[in-house]
Amino acid sequence: SEKGWQGACGAVCGGVAATGVILGGKERMPNESIQDAYLKASKFATDFEEQFGTVVCSGLCGYDFSDPAAIMEYQENNTWENTCNKFVIWAVDHVRKLMKEDLRKKW
């Protein structure tokens, strides 16, 4: 796009994916659970956005990943260690809280 790559943060993608895996349990998710999966995933993403202001990767870390120079700067500045890891830690903890009962039922 004109603004560069505008993809979602990997922590958001992982959290959304985790909600589906948790609700599915060890078997394929039944059709009647799909709506719940969408609602929980939406809640997770909304909570993330409320916490950090956006779900867009470049908005969170400040780098345009369609620009090779920005990628180099991201790496040189250890941005994952200094910035991005807090999003992952929050996402794991929030999925755990949001999906606590589902984890007990399905796993």
Protein backbone atom coordinates (compact mmCIF):
# COMPACT_ATOMS: atom_id res chain seq x y z
CA SER A 1 0.00 0.00 0.00
CA GLU A 2 1.03 3.65 -0.16
CA LYS A 3 1.59 3.60 3.59
CA GLY A 4 3.76 0.48 3.49
CA TRP A 5 2.92 -2.86 4.97
CA GLN A 6 -0.05 -2.52 7.33
CA GLY A 7 -0.35 -6.05 8.69
CA ALA A 8 -1.44 -7.05 12.15
CA CYS A 9 1.07 -7.65 14.91
CA GLY A 10 2.14 -11.29 15.17
CA ALA A 11 1.07 -11.34 18.82
CA VAL A 12 -2.46 -10.43 17.73
CA CYS A 13 -2.48 -13.08 15.00
CA GLY A 14 -1.18 -15.66 17.46
CA GLY A 15 -3.75 -14.74 20.09
CA VAL A 16 -6.60 -14.97 17.60
CA ALA A 17 -5.32 -18.33 16.35
CA ALA A 18 -4.98 -19.60 19.91
CA THR A 19 -8.62 -18.85 20.69
CA GLY A 20 -9.68 -21.08 17.80
CA VAL A 21 -7.34 -23.88 18.80
CA ILE A 22 -8.50 -23.74 22.41
CA LEU A 23 -12.19 -23.75 21.48
CA GLY A 24 -11.65 -26.58 19.04
CA GLY A 25 -9.98 -28.72 21.64
CA LYS A 26 -8.45 -31.95 20.43
CA GLU A 27 -11.14 -32.41 17.80
CA ARG A 28 -12.41 -30.33 14.91
CA MET A 29 -14.43 -27.36 16.18
CA PRO A 30 -18.18 -28.05 15.89
CA ASN A 31 -20.13 -25.57 13.77
CA GLU A 32 -22.07 -24.30 16.79
CA SER A 33 -18.78 -23.15 18.36
CA ILE A 34 -17.69 -21.02 15.41
CA GLN A 35 -19.68 -17.96 16.50
CA ASP A 36 -18.12 -18.18 19.96
CA ALA A 37 -14.67 -18.43 18.39
CA TYR A 38 -15.25 -15.27 16.36
CA LEU A 39 -16.58 -13.42 19.40
CA LYS A 40 -13.65 -14.44 21.61
CA ALA A 41 -11.12 -13.60 18.88
CA SER A 42 -12.79 -10.23 18.37
CA LYS A 43 -12.75 -9.56 22.12
CA PHE A 44 -9.05 -10.43 22.25
CA ALA A 45 -8.20 -8.10 19.33
CA THR A 46 -10.36 -5.28 20.74
CA ASP A 47 -8.74 -5.61 24.16
CA PHE A 48 -5.28 -5.54 22.54
CA GLU A 49 -6.16 -2.39 20.61
CA GLU A 50 -7.53 -0.73 23.75
CA GLN A 51 -4.36 -1.63 25.63
CA PHE A 52 -1.82 -0.57 22.98
CA GLY A 53 -3.71 1.79 20.65
CA THR A 54 -3.57 -0.32 17.48
CA VAL A 55 -3.20 -3.88 16.24
CA VAL A 56 -1.05 -2.80 13.27
CA CYS A 57 2.56 -3.94 13.56
CA SER A 58 4.14 -0.76 12.18
CA GLY A 59 2.01 1.36 14.49
CA LEU A 60 3.21 -0.62 17.49
CA CYS A 61 6.91 -0.88 16.74
CA GLY A 62 7.37 2.16 14.48
CA TYR A 63 8.86 0.36 11.47
CA ASP A 64 7.57 -0.13 7.92
CA PHE A 65 8.38 -3.74 7.06
CA SER A 66 8.01 -3.07 3.34
CA ASP A 67 11.20 -0.97 3.57
CA PRO A 68 14.45 -3.01 3.72
CA ALA A 69 16.25 -0.16 5.51
CA ALA A 70 13.55 -0.11 8.19
CA ILE A 71 13.90 -3.86 8.67
CA MET A 72 17.64 -3.45 9.17
CA GLU A 73 17.04 -0.66 11.69
CA TYR A 74 14.46 -2.82 13.48
CA GLN A 75 17.06 -5.56 13.84
CA GLU A 76 19.96 -3.27 14.75
CA ASN A 77 17.90 -1.61 17.49
CA ASN A 78 16.81 -4.96 18.96
CA THR A 79 13.23 -3.79 18.65
CA TRP A 80 11.82 -7.27 19.25
CA GLU A 81 13.59 -7.52 22.59
CA ASN A 82 12.96 -3.89 23.53
CA THR A 83 9.39 -3.44 22.29
CA CYS A 84 7.67 -6.38 20.64
CA ASN A 85 8.16 -8.98 23.34
CA LYS A 86 5.85 -7.05 25.68
CA PHE A 87 3.04 -7.52 23.14
CA VAL A 88 3.67 -11.27 23.05
CA ILE A 89 3.74 -11.54 26.84
CA TRP A 90 0.50 -9.55 27.12
CA ALA A 91 -1.15 -11.67 24.41
CA VAL A 92 -0.25 -14.97 26.06
CA ASP A 93 -1.47 -13.77 29.44
CA HIS A 94 -4.67 -12.30 28.02
CA VAL A 95 -5.54 -15.44 26.04
CA ARG A 96 -4.99 -17.44 29.23
CA LYS A 97 -7.41 -15.19 31.14
CA LEU A 98 -9.98 -14.91 28.34
CA MET A 99 -10.00 -18.63 27.60
CA LYS A 100 -9.54 -20.02 31.13
CA GLU A 101 -12.84 -21.91 31.30
CA ASP A 102 -12.56 -23.15 27.72
CA LEU A 103 -9.07 -24.49 28.43
CA ARG A 104 -10.40 -26.46 31.39
CA LYS A 105 -13.30 -27.90 29.37
CA LYS A 106 -11.46 -28.80 26.19
CA TRP A 107 -7.96 -29.69 27.30
